[in-house]
Structures are given as C-alpha cells and as structure tokens.
Amino acid sequence: MKVWTKERALSLRTRRTVFLQADMKRKATASPRWRWKFGGFLLMGTLLTLFMLVHLQTLFGPDASDGANTVPVVTSFEGQQFSLNRTKSKLAFMFLTGHNMALDILWNQFFEEVEEHEYSVYIHARPGYSFSKGNTICRSFINRQLNNSILVEWGEATMIRAERLLLTEALQDPLNQRFFLLSDSCIPLYNFTHIYNYVMSSQKSFVDSFVDKNDDQYNILMEPVISEDKWRKGSQWVALTRKHAEVIAGDSTVFPSFVDHCKKINLSDNWKGDPMNNETIGRHNCIPDEHYIQTLLAIKGLEGEIERRTLTFSRWENSAKDQGQNGWHPVTFKFADATVQTIKEIQAITNVRYEIESRTEWCSAGGHRRHCFLFARKFTRAAAFRLIDQVDQYKSSDPDLAE
C-alpha cells in the first residue's frame, strides 16, 4: 500500500502541470494553421462574390461612359431583349419626303427643347439624297435618311413600301415604343412633352379606319387573302404602338396582294373638262396607302386595340377646283393662313364626324377625353416662317401647355 506523502502529491501535481503545458503548446502551434486555412477560404469566397457582382453589372447595368442606353443589336422584331436600364421609352418620328424637309426651321425649334435620348428621327427621301448641314438647319435631320430608300409615286404601292421601310428601320431601336408617320408638310401643334404624355397615356394605336360602303376600290382578285368584309379605308398618317408597328413591318401576305391588285388609274390630260364625269367611272381605281394599314389590322383582329382616328389634322374641300390630276388632296395652308387663330381652331377640335358611317368619334386617350390632333398638314415653308415669327403666341396658344 502506497503512502501519499506531501512530497509525492507535489510530484504528481508537477507532472500533471507539465503535461497540460505541453498540450497547450501543441494546440497553440496547430491553431494558427487552421485559422489561416479558414481565412483563405473566406477570402476566396469574398473575391468570387465581388467578381460575379462586377460581371453582372457589366452585362446588365448602364454604360457609365454615355450614361444610359446601350442596347443589344437585334435582327428580328419578335423576342427582342432590352438592356436593364432606366431609360424611358422613345418616340419615333418617321417622315416621308421627296427630297428636302421644307419645314425644318420649325422642327428644329421643336426638337431643340428635347433631350436626344427621348426621340428618334427617320426620313425616307429619294434614293441618294442625304441630309447635312448644307441642306437643312435642323440638327435632328442630319444623316437620318434611309440608305435603302426607293422612288415613290403617289397612289402607287411604292408609298406603302416606303412606310414599311421606315418602320423596319425604326424597330431596330428597342427603346422606340410609339411610331409617328408624318409628311414633309406636317407641323406639331404642341410641344414634345405634351405629345409624349398624350400617346404614352394610351395603350392603343391611333389609326383612322372606317368602312366606306360607297367605296369601289376593293378588288375581288384580292380574295382569299383579303376578304371584302375586312376592307377598310382611312388616312395614312398613323401613330402606332410597337406591337402594331411589328405587325405591319413583318407582314408578308397582305402587302403582296396590294402590290398586285390595288392600283390607281391615271387620268388623261383632258380630265379637267369634266372631272366628275370622265373615263375612270366604272373602272377599278385603288390607292394603296388609303387602305393598307387599316385593312391589315382588321385582318389580324386588332381593331379593338386602336383609336379609330388620326392624330394629324387635314382640311378637305370637296370641290372640283381642289381636285388634282391624281385625285382629291387636302387644302394647303399658306402664309396668310398661318396664324395663331388657325392653330387654336385646330387644337379646339374634340370630335370627328364620319358621315359615311353615321358615327361621331369623340376623341380620347388613356380613357380620358382629349383634343383630337397633335399634328397638322399641309403647311408651306412660308407658313412655317410666319409661325416662327409668332413663336411666343404659338407656344402659348393653349395656356395649359405653356412652358
């Protein structure tokens, strides 16, 4: 039997202390190695996370160099992808002209108050004609002509072909969400902000469309592509949503039928002797741009998505003296007609009467009653200069719209 003396107890305590100290040294030696491994993994994870965030920002964020609207190049209208940025939708102004833009001085004032990223301009002029500082004072028109333009003759299918070329080009920019088809004699009745808010408040296109039972322009040879019950008529000056612009630009069935079977009749030189009784009576006479867009949208079942009126005012005088050799044309507003009072009268219109359908179209946008027109035609260059001279009155012709 062992005797536990004080000296023996101290010896055991000393050895236990030595073992504990040795164990602590081993742990102290191993602990930093484990911590370094953990820290390394944590650092690698942090760097990987930062890399992914930077990569995503590069893919989807706005370009810091120009502040906003980098978008992918698109080759088709359907399934286009937008870059994730905060740039608002744009308005596309599409002009049909023979060569120069006679009202460029007025349009220059209109566009100079607008940020360039808020709108786009496209011009269909005769082949080879280009816009530069030498032939236009409107900076927004410079180099905006189509490079694939064609020769256009009024009353021919070349007119609607040119319209489709404009739409095809404008659709290449995914930010364009509303598309105005305008002539070189059109003027804006309001400032850009008002026009923008007007059309963006509505999810519908503005397309003048009606059924004219007295119209004899339908050709039975258009069947079965175009049935007579879908035949529509109206102004070619339309304002389209992107959806409807894509339908028109992508059409490959209705357009060929118009090319083949919708043709105008050229009047002879002696037509003026009796313009209401000439050799065209009883013959088929078809003007493509008066029917194409309206009929196409009817065939596609999209009439419920349009306001059946145009946003562009024209004044028609149904007298023989105003009829040209190519048919009826709207009145031209000249220098004497270009007054603030004229503009106010057009702005005050709130409904359009369609006698042929016994229908009154009360103008609205976005579910609210509105004035009918945002643009007007046909104005001469002299008329534009007179309006510029009265620019202060012109801009304030509606007190609610004064800037």
Protein backbone atom coordinates (compact mmCIF):
# COMPACT_ATOMS: atom_id res chain seq x y z
CA MET A 1 0.00 0.00 0.00
CA LYS A 2 1.42 3.31 -1.17
CA VAL A 3 1.74 6.10 1.32
CA TRP A 4 0.65 9.53 -0.04
CA THR A 5 3.14 11.91 1.38
CA LYS A 6 3.22 15.60 0.80
CA GLU A 7 6.28 15.24 -1.39
CA ARG A 8 4.59 12.54 -3.54
CA ALA A 9 1.48 14.67 -4.03
CA LEU A 10 3.60 17.61 -5.16
CA SER A 11 5.45 15.38 -7.62
CA LEU A 12 2.19 14.18 -9.23
CA ARG A 13 0.86 17.73 -9.43
CA THR A 14 4.08 18.88 -11.06
CA ARG A 15 3.90 16.16 -13.75
CA ARG A 16 0.23 16.97 -14.47
CA THR A 17 1.13 20.61 -14.91
CA VAL A 18 3.93 19.71 -17.30
CA PHE A 19 1.56 17.56 -19.41
CA LEU A 20 -1.05 20.37 -19.53
CA GLN A 21 1.55 22.90 -20.59
CA ALA A 22 2.80 20.61 -23.34
CA ASP A 23 -0.73 20.03 -24.60
CA MET A 24 -1.43 23.77 -24.68
CA LYS A 25 1.77 24.34 -26.67
CA ARG A 26 0.64 21.76 -29.26
CA LYS A 27 -2.77 23.44 -29.58
CA ALA A 28 -1.19 26.86 -29.77
CA THR A 29 1.07 25.60 -32.56
CA ALA A 30 -1.79 24.00 -34.56
CA SER A 31 -4.41 26.75 -34.09
CA PRO A 32 -2.82 29.40 -36.38
CA ARG A 33 -2.51 26.85 -39.20
CA TRP A 34 -6.26 26.08 -39.02
CA ARG A 35 -7.16 29.75 -38.87
CA TRP A 36 -5.06 30.53 -41.94
CA LYS A 37 -6.86 27.84 -43.92
CA PHE A 38 -10.28 29.17 -42.87
CA GLY A 39 -9.23 32.73 -43.65
CA GLY A 40 -8.02 31.71 -47.08
CA PHE A 41 -11.33 30.08 -47.98
CA LEU A 42 -13.21 33.14 -46.72
CA LEU A 43 -11.06 35.49 -48.80
CA MET A 44 -11.52 33.40 -51.95
CA GLY A 45 -15.29 33.35 -51.43
CA THR A 46 -15.39 37.12 -51.00
CA LEU A 47 -13.32 37.71 -54.15
CA LEU A 48 -15.53 35.32 -56.16
CA THR A 49 -18.67 37.13 -54.98
CA LEU A 50 -17.22 40.52 -55.94
CA PHE A 51 -16.23 39.18 -59.37
CA MET A 52 -19.76 37.92 -60.03
CA LEU A 53 -21.28 41.25 -58.99
CA VAL A 54 -18.96 43.17 -61.32
CA HIS A 55 -19.72 40.74 -64.16
CA LEU A 56 -23.47 41.13 -63.71
CA GLN A 57 -23.13 44.92 -63.60
CA THR A 58 -21.20 44.80 -66.88
CA LEU A 59 -23.87 42.67 -68.52
CA PHE A 60 -26.98 44.44 -67.31
CA GLY A 61 -26.02 47.83 -65.97
CA PRO A 62 -25.99 51.13 -67.89
CA ASP A 63 -22.84 52.15 -69.68
CA ALA A 64 -21.10 54.68 -67.46
CA SER A 65 -19.47 56.29 -70.49
CA ASP A 66 -22.65 57.59 -72.07
CA GLY A 67 -24.99 57.48 -69.11
CA ALA A 68 -27.71 55.23 -70.28
CA ASN A 69 -28.95 53.40 -73.27
CA THR A 70 -26.72 50.60 -74.51
CA VAL A 71 -28.94 48.01 -76.15
CA PRO A 72 -28.22 44.75 -77.97
CA VAL A 73 -28.28 44.63 -81.76
CA VAL A 74 -31.45 42.94 -82.97
CA THR A 75 -32.09 41.08 -86.19
CA SER A 76 -35.80 40.33 -85.77
CA PHE A 77 -38.77 42.08 -84.23
CA GLU A 78 -40.07 39.26 -82.07
CA GLY A 79 -38.34 38.22 -78.87
CA GLN A 80 -36.13 41.28 -78.63
CA GLN A 81 -34.40 41.67 -75.27
CA PHE A 82 -33.99 45.02 -73.59
CA SER A 83 -30.97 46.03 -71.55
CA LEU A 84 -31.89 46.55 -67.91
CA ASN A 85 -31.66 50.31 -67.62
CA ARG A 86 -33.88 53.13 -66.56
CA THR A 87 -34.02 54.95 -69.90
CA LYS A 88 -37.62 55.81 -70.74
CA SER A 89 -39.40 54.88 -73.94
CA LYS A 90 -38.75 56.94 -77.07
CA LEU A 91 -40.95 58.41 -79.78
CA ALA A 92 -40.00 57.62 -83.39
CA PHE A 93 -40.74 60.42 -85.89
CA MET A 94 -40.83 58.93 -89.40
CA PHE A 95 -41.01 61.39 -92.30
CA LEU A 96 -41.94 60.76 -95.93
CA THR A 97 -40.49 63.33 -98.31
CA GLY A 98 -39.33 63.64 -101.89
CA HIS A 99 -36.08 65.36 -101.04
CA ASN A 100 -35.70 68.33 -98.69
CA MET A 101 -37.64 68.98 -95.48
CA ALA A 102 -39.28 72.34 -96.17
CA LEU A 103 -40.40 72.88 -92.58
CA ASP A 104 -37.03 72.10 -90.99
CA ILE A 105 -36.87 75.53 -89.35
CA LEU A 106 -39.99 74.78 -87.33
CA TRP A 107 -38.99 71.22 -86.47
CA ASN A 108 -35.59 72.46 -85.34
CA GLN A 109 -37.27 74.59 -82.70
CA PHE A 110 -39.44 71.65 -81.71
CA PHE A 111 -36.55 69.22 -81.20
CA GLU A 112 -34.03 71.61 -79.65
CA GLU A 113 -36.05 71.64 -76.43
CA VAL A 114 -35.84 67.85 -76.13
CA GLU A 115 -33.11 65.51 -74.87
CA GLU A 116 -31.72 63.42 -77.73
CA HIS A 117 -32.34 60.13 -75.90
CA GLU A 118 -36.10 60.83 -75.82
CA TYR A 119 -36.78 60.52 -79.55
CA SER A 120 -35.55 59.15 -82.87
CA VAL A 121 -35.89 60.56 -86.40
CA TYR A 122 -36.09 58.59 -89.66
CA ILE A 123 -36.55 60.12 -93.11
CA HIS A 124 -37.46 58.40 -96.36
CA ALA A 125 -36.27 60.61 -99.23
CA ARG A 126 -35.47 59.83 -102.83
CA PRO A 127 -32.52 57.43 -103.32
CA GLY A 128 -29.15 59.14 -102.99
CA TYR A 129 -30.42 62.19 -101.13
CA SER A 130 -28.80 62.82 -97.76
CA PHE A 131 -29.35 65.44 -95.09
CA SER A 132 -26.39 67.54 -93.99
CA LYS A 133 -25.61 70.97 -92.58
CA GLY A 134 -25.58 72.21 -96.17
CA ASN A 135 -29.25 71.49 -96.88
CA THR A 136 -31.04 71.56 -93.51
CA ILE A 137 -30.87 73.71 -90.40
CA CYS A 138 -32.48 71.02 -88.26
CA ARG A 139 -29.75 69.11 -86.48
CA SER A 140 -32.12 66.24 -85.77
CA PHE A 141 -32.47 65.62 -89.54
CA ILE A 142 -28.75 65.35 -90.33
CA ASN A 143 -27.81 61.86 -91.57
CA ARG A 144 -31.22 60.48 -90.63
CA GLN A 145 -32.20 59.43 -94.18
CA LEU A 146 -32.71 55.76 -95.01
CA ASN A 147 -29.91 54.25 -97.05
CA ASN A 148 -32.27 51.78 -98.75
CA SER A 149 -34.94 54.26 -99.88
CA ILE A 150 -36.89 53.79 -103.11
CA LEU A 151 -38.57 56.01 -105.69
CA VAL A 152 -42.11 56.75 -104.52
CA GLU A 153 -45.09 57.83 -106.58
CA TRP A 154 -48.34 58.95 -105.02
CA GLY A 155 -51.11 56.38 -105.37
CA GLU A 156 -48.71 53.52 -106.01
CA ALA A 157 -47.71 50.58 -103.80
CA THR A 158 -44.28 52.21 -103.52
CA MET A 159 -45.83 54.53 -100.92
CA ILE A 160 -46.70 51.73 -98.51
CA ARG A 161 -43.38 50.04 -99.27
CA ALA A 162 -41.63 53.22 -98.11
CA GLU A 163 -43.76 53.25 -94.95
CA ARG A 164 -42.70 49.68 -94.20
CA LEU A 165 -39.04 50.57 -94.75
CA LEU A 166 -39.35 53.37 -92.20
CA LEU A 167 -40.98 51.06 -89.67
CA THR A 168 -38.38 48.36 -90.21
CA GLU A 169 -35.57 50.83 -89.55
CA ALA A 170 -37.26 52.40 -86.52
CA LEU A 171 -37.90 48.99 -84.96
CA GLN A 172 -34.17 48.32 -84.78
CA ASP A 173 -34.11 50.54 -81.69
CA PRO A 174 -35.89 48.62 -78.89
CA LEU A 175 -36.46 51.86 -76.97
CA ASN A 176 -38.79 53.20 -79.69
CA GLN A 177 -42.29 52.49 -78.38
CA ARG A 178 -44.52 54.87 -80.39
CA PHE A 179 -44.18 55.48 -84.13
CA PHE A 180 -45.49 58.59 -85.93
CA LEU A 181 -45.83 58.52 -89.71
CA LEU A 182 -45.61 62.13 -90.92
CA SER A 183 -45.28 64.02 -94.20
CA ASP A 184 -42.80 66.77 -95.01
CA SER A 185 -45.67 69.29 -94.75
CA CYS A 186 -46.68 68.36 -91.19
CA ILE A 187 -46.24 70.67 -88.20
CA PRO A 188 -46.50 69.84 -84.48
CA LEU A 189 -49.39 71.55 -82.69
CA TYR A 190 -47.90 71.14 -79.21
CA ASN A 191 -44.53 70.78 -77.54
CA PHE A 192 -42.76 67.43 -77.22
CA THR A 193 -43.70 66.82 -73.59
CA HIS A 194 -47.39 67.19 -74.31
CA ILE A 195 -47.22 64.91 -77.35
CA TYR A 196 -45.22 62.32 -75.40
CA ASN A 197 -47.63 62.26 -72.47
CA TYR A 198 -50.65 62.12 -74.80
CA VAL A 199 -49.64 58.99 -76.70
CA MET A 200 -47.95 57.22 -73.79
CA SER A 201 -51.11 57.57 -71.70
CA SER A 202 -52.83 55.17 -74.10
CA GLN A 203 -52.04 51.55 -74.91
CA LYS A 204 -53.71 51.92 -78.31
CA SER A 205 -52.58 52.97 -81.77
CA PHE A 206 -54.27 55.91 -83.49
CA VAL A 207 -55.38 54.75 -86.93
CA ASP A 208 -58.11 56.46 -88.95
CA SER A 209 -60.22 53.49 -90.04
CA PHE A 210 -63.76 53.18 -91.36
CA VAL A 211 -65.96 51.20 -93.74
CA ASP A 212 -66.98 53.11 -96.86
CA LYS A 213 -69.91 51.31 -98.45
CA ASN A 214 -69.66 53.59 -101.48
CA ASP A 215 -66.02 52.77 -102.00
CA ASP A 216 -65.29 50.78 -105.15
CA GLN A 217 -61.56 50.30 -104.62
CA TYR A 218 -61.82 46.72 -103.38
CA ASN A 219 -60.69 44.19 -105.99
CA ILE A 220 -62.25 40.73 -105.90
CA LEU A 221 -58.90 39.33 -107.04
CA MET A 222 -57.58 40.03 -103.53
CA GLU A 223 -59.52 37.07 -102.18
CA PRO A 224 -58.90 34.89 -100.26
CA VAL A 225 -56.05 36.88 -98.70
CA ILE A 226 -58.25 39.96 -98.26
CA SER A 227 -61.99 39.45 -97.93
CA GLU A 228 -64.32 42.36 -98.62
CA ASP A 229 -65.67 42.40 -95.06
CA LYS A 230 -62.15 43.29 -93.83
CA TRP A 231 -61.67 46.08 -96.37
CA ARG A 232 -61.07 49.39 -94.57
CA LYS A 233 -60.23 52.96 -95.53
CA GLY A 234 -58.58 55.91 -93.79
CA SER A 235 -55.71 58.36 -93.54
CA GLN A 236 -52.18 57.05 -93.95
CA TRP A 237 -50.90 59.31 -91.15
CA VAL A 238 -50.89 56.94 -88.19
CA ALA A 239 -49.42 56.72 -84.69
CA LEU A 240 -48.58 53.13 -83.81
CA THR A 241 -47.67 51.11 -80.76
CA ARG A 242 -44.63 48.90 -81.12
CA LYS A 243 -46.82 45.79 -81.39
CA HIS A 244 -48.72 47.15 -84.39
CA ALA A 245 -45.55 48.52 -86.00
CA GLU A 246 -44.10 45.00 -85.86
CA VAL A 247 -47.24 43.55 -87.45
CA ILE A 248 -47.01 45.97 -90.39
CA ALA A 249 -43.26 45.66 -90.92
CA GLY A 250 -43.42 41.87 -90.67
CA ASP A 251 -46.40 41.37 -93.00
CA SER A 252 -45.63 39.00 -95.86
CA THR A 253 -49.13 38.13 -97.12
CA VAL A 254 -51.37 41.21 -97.31
CA PHE A 255 -48.73 43.55 -98.75
CA PRO A 256 -48.07 41.42 -101.89
CA SER A 257 -51.82 41.37 -102.59
CA PHE A 258 -51.87 45.18 -102.52
CA VAL A 259 -48.91 45.30 -104.88
CA ASP A 260 -50.66 43.03 -107.37
CA HIS A 261 -54.27 44.18 -107.14
CA CYS A 262 -54.51 47.71 -105.69
CA LYS A 263 -53.55 50.17 -108.42
CA LYS A 264 -54.59 53.70 -109.25
CA ILE A 265 -55.95 54.83 -112.62
CA ASN A 266 -54.01 57.64 -114.25
CA LEU A 267 -56.27 60.41 -115.53
CA SER A 268 -55.84 61.73 -119.04
CA ASP A 269 -54.79 65.30 -119.77
CA ASN A 270 -58.38 66.38 -120.60
CA TRP A 271 -59.82 65.23 -117.24
CA LYS A 272 -60.32 68.84 -116.05
CA GLY A 273 -63.04 69.44 -118.62
CA ASP A 274 -65.44 67.32 -116.58
CA PRO A 275 -63.64 65.90 -113.51
CA MET A 276 -66.80 64.29 -112.15
CA ASN A 277 -67.60 62.53 -115.42
CA ASN A 278 -64.56 61.01 -117.03
CA GLU A 279 -63.24 57.72 -118.26
CA THR A 280 -62.43 56.46 -114.76
CA ILE A 281 -66.12 55.97 -113.96
CA GLY A 282 -66.85 52.25 -113.79
CA ARG A 283 -63.19 51.31 -113.73
CA HIS A 284 -61.36 49.92 -110.73
CA ASN A 285 -59.22 52.59 -109.03
CA CYS A 286 -57.32 51.77 -105.83
CA ILE A 287 -54.98 53.94 -103.74
CA PRO A 288 -52.90 51.58 -101.54
CA ASP A 289 -51.96 53.99 -98.75
CA GLU A 290 -55.65 54.74 -98.07
CA HIS A 291 -56.34 51.10 -97.22
CA TYR A 292 -53.26 49.03 -96.39
CA ILE A 293 -52.63 49.58 -92.66
CA GLN A 294 -56.32 49.74 -91.79
CA THR A 295 -57.14 46.55 -93.70
CA LEU A 296 -54.13 44.66 -92.35
CA LEU A 297 -55.05 45.43 -88.73
CA ALA A 298 -58.65 44.34 -89.42
CA ILE A 299 -57.46 41.04 -90.88
CA LYS A 300 -55.23 40.45 -87.85
CA GLY A 301 -58.16 41.06 -85.50
CA LEU A 302 -56.52 44.10 -83.91
CA GLU A 303 -59.22 46.73 -84.42
CA GLY A 304 -60.09 46.60 -80.73
CA GLU A 305 -56.58 47.87 -79.99
CA ILE A 306 -56.84 51.12 -81.96
CA GLU A 307 -58.46 54.51 -81.61
CA ARG A 308 -60.22 54.84 -84.97
CA ARG A 309 -58.92 58.30 -85.79
CA THR A 310 -55.74 60.02 -86.90
CA LEU A 311 -53.69 62.44 -84.80
CA THR A 312 -52.85 64.51 -87.90
CA PHE A 313 -55.31 67.20 -88.99
CA SER A 314 -56.06 67.79 -92.68
CA ARG A 315 -58.67 70.14 -94.14
CA TRP A 316 -60.58 68.81 -97.13
CA GLU A 317 -62.64 70.88 -99.53
CA ASN A 318 -64.91 68.73 -101.67
CA SER A 319 -64.99 70.90 -104.72
CA ALA A 320 -63.77 70.15 -108.21
CA LYS A 321 -61.31 73.03 -108.21
CA ASP A 322 -59.36 71.38 -105.37
CA GLN A 323 -59.03 68.07 -107.16
CA GLY A 324 -55.68 67.39 -108.76
CA GLN A 325 -54.98 65.04 -111.61
CA ASN A 326 -54.15 62.32 -109.11
CA GLY A 327 -57.40 62.83 -107.18
CA TRP A 328 -58.52 64.70 -104.09
CA HIS A 329 -55.90 66.45 -101.97
CA PRO A 330 -56.17 68.38 -98.68
CA VAL A 331 -56.07 72.15 -98.56
CA THR A 332 -52.60 73.71 -98.30
CA PHE A 333 -52.10 76.28 -95.54
CA LYS A 334 -50.09 79.17 -96.96
CA PHE A 335 -48.56 82.30 -95.42
CA ALA A 336 -51.91 84.07 -94.98
CA ASP A 337 -53.41 81.03 -93.23
CA ALA A 338 -50.60 80.53 -90.73
CA THR A 339 -51.96 82.38 -87.72
CA VAL A 340 -52.27 81.60 -84.05
CA GLN A 341 -56.03 81.63 -84.54
CA THR A 342 -55.73 78.84 -87.11
CA ILE A 343 -53.70 76.76 -84.67
CA LYS A 344 -56.17 77.39 -81.86
CA GLU A 345 -59.09 76.33 -84.03
CA ILE A 346 -57.40 73.03 -84.84
CA GLN A 347 -56.43 72.47 -81.20
CA ALA A 348 -60.02 73.03 -80.09
CA ILE A 349 -61.42 70.10 -82.09
CA THR A 350 -62.66 67.35 -79.76
CA ASN A 351 -64.59 65.06 -82.11
CA VAL A 352 -64.56 63.85 -85.70
CA ARG A 353 -67.70 63.13 -87.70
CA TYR A 354 -67.75 60.13 -90.08
CA GLU A 355 -70.84 60.73 -92.19
CA ILE A 356 -70.29 57.55 -94.20
CA GLU A 357 -70.76 55.51 -91.00
CA SER A 358 -73.11 57.96 -89.25
CA ARG A 359 -70.57 57.95 -86.45
CA THR A 360 -69.10 60.69 -84.28
CA GLU A 361 -65.70 59.80 -82.85
CA TRP A 362 -65.23 61.60 -79.54
CA CYS A 363 -61.51 61.90 -79.03
CA SER A 364 -59.91 60.27 -76.01
CA ALA A 365 -56.58 58.86 -74.88
CA GLY A 366 -55.99 56.64 -71.90
CA GLY A 367 -59.68 56.70 -71.04
CA HIS A 368 -59.86 60.50 -70.82
CA ARG A 369 -61.49 62.98 -73.20
CA ARG A 370 -58.81 64.83 -75.15
CA HIS A 371 -58.40 67.17 -78.08
CA CYS A 372 -58.15 65.24 -81.33
CA PHE A 373 -54.97 66.35 -83.07
CA LEU A 374 -51.25 66.58 -82.27
CA PHE A 375 -50.07 67.47 -85.80
CA ALA A 376 -51.48 69.30 -88.82
CA ARG A 377 -50.83 69.45 -92.56
CA LYS A 378 -50.32 70.70 -95.28
CA PHE A 379 -48.22 73.78 -94.44
CA THR A 380 -45.84 75.61 -96.78
CA ARG A 381 -42.38 76.86 -95.84
CA ALA A 382 -43.68 80.44 -95.88
CA ALA A 383 -46.38 79.41 -93.41
CA ALA A 384 -43.73 77.90 -91.14
CA PHE A 385 -41.73 81.15 -91.17
CA ARG A 386 -44.81 83.10 -90.18
CA LEU A 387 -45.47 80.74 -87.29
CA ILE A 388 -41.87 81.16 -86.15
CA ASP A 389 -42.37 84.94 -86.19
CA GLN A 390 -45.27 84.40 -83.83
CA VAL A 391 -43.45 81.74 -81.81
CA ASP A 392 -44.33 83.15 -78.40
CA GLN A 393 -48.02 83.14 -79.25
CA TYR A 394 -47.69 79.78 -80.99
CA LYS A 395 -46.25 78.09 -77.91
CA SER A 396 -48.84 79.66 -75.63
CA SER A 397 -51.83 79.12 -77.91
CA ASP A 398 -53.10 76.76 -75.19
CA PRO A 399 -52.37 78.35 -71.78
CA ASP A 400 -52.31 74.95 -70.11
CA LEU A 401 -49.38 73.88 -72.27
CA ALA A 402 -47.17 76.94 -71.94
CA GLU A 403 -43.65 76.10 -70.81
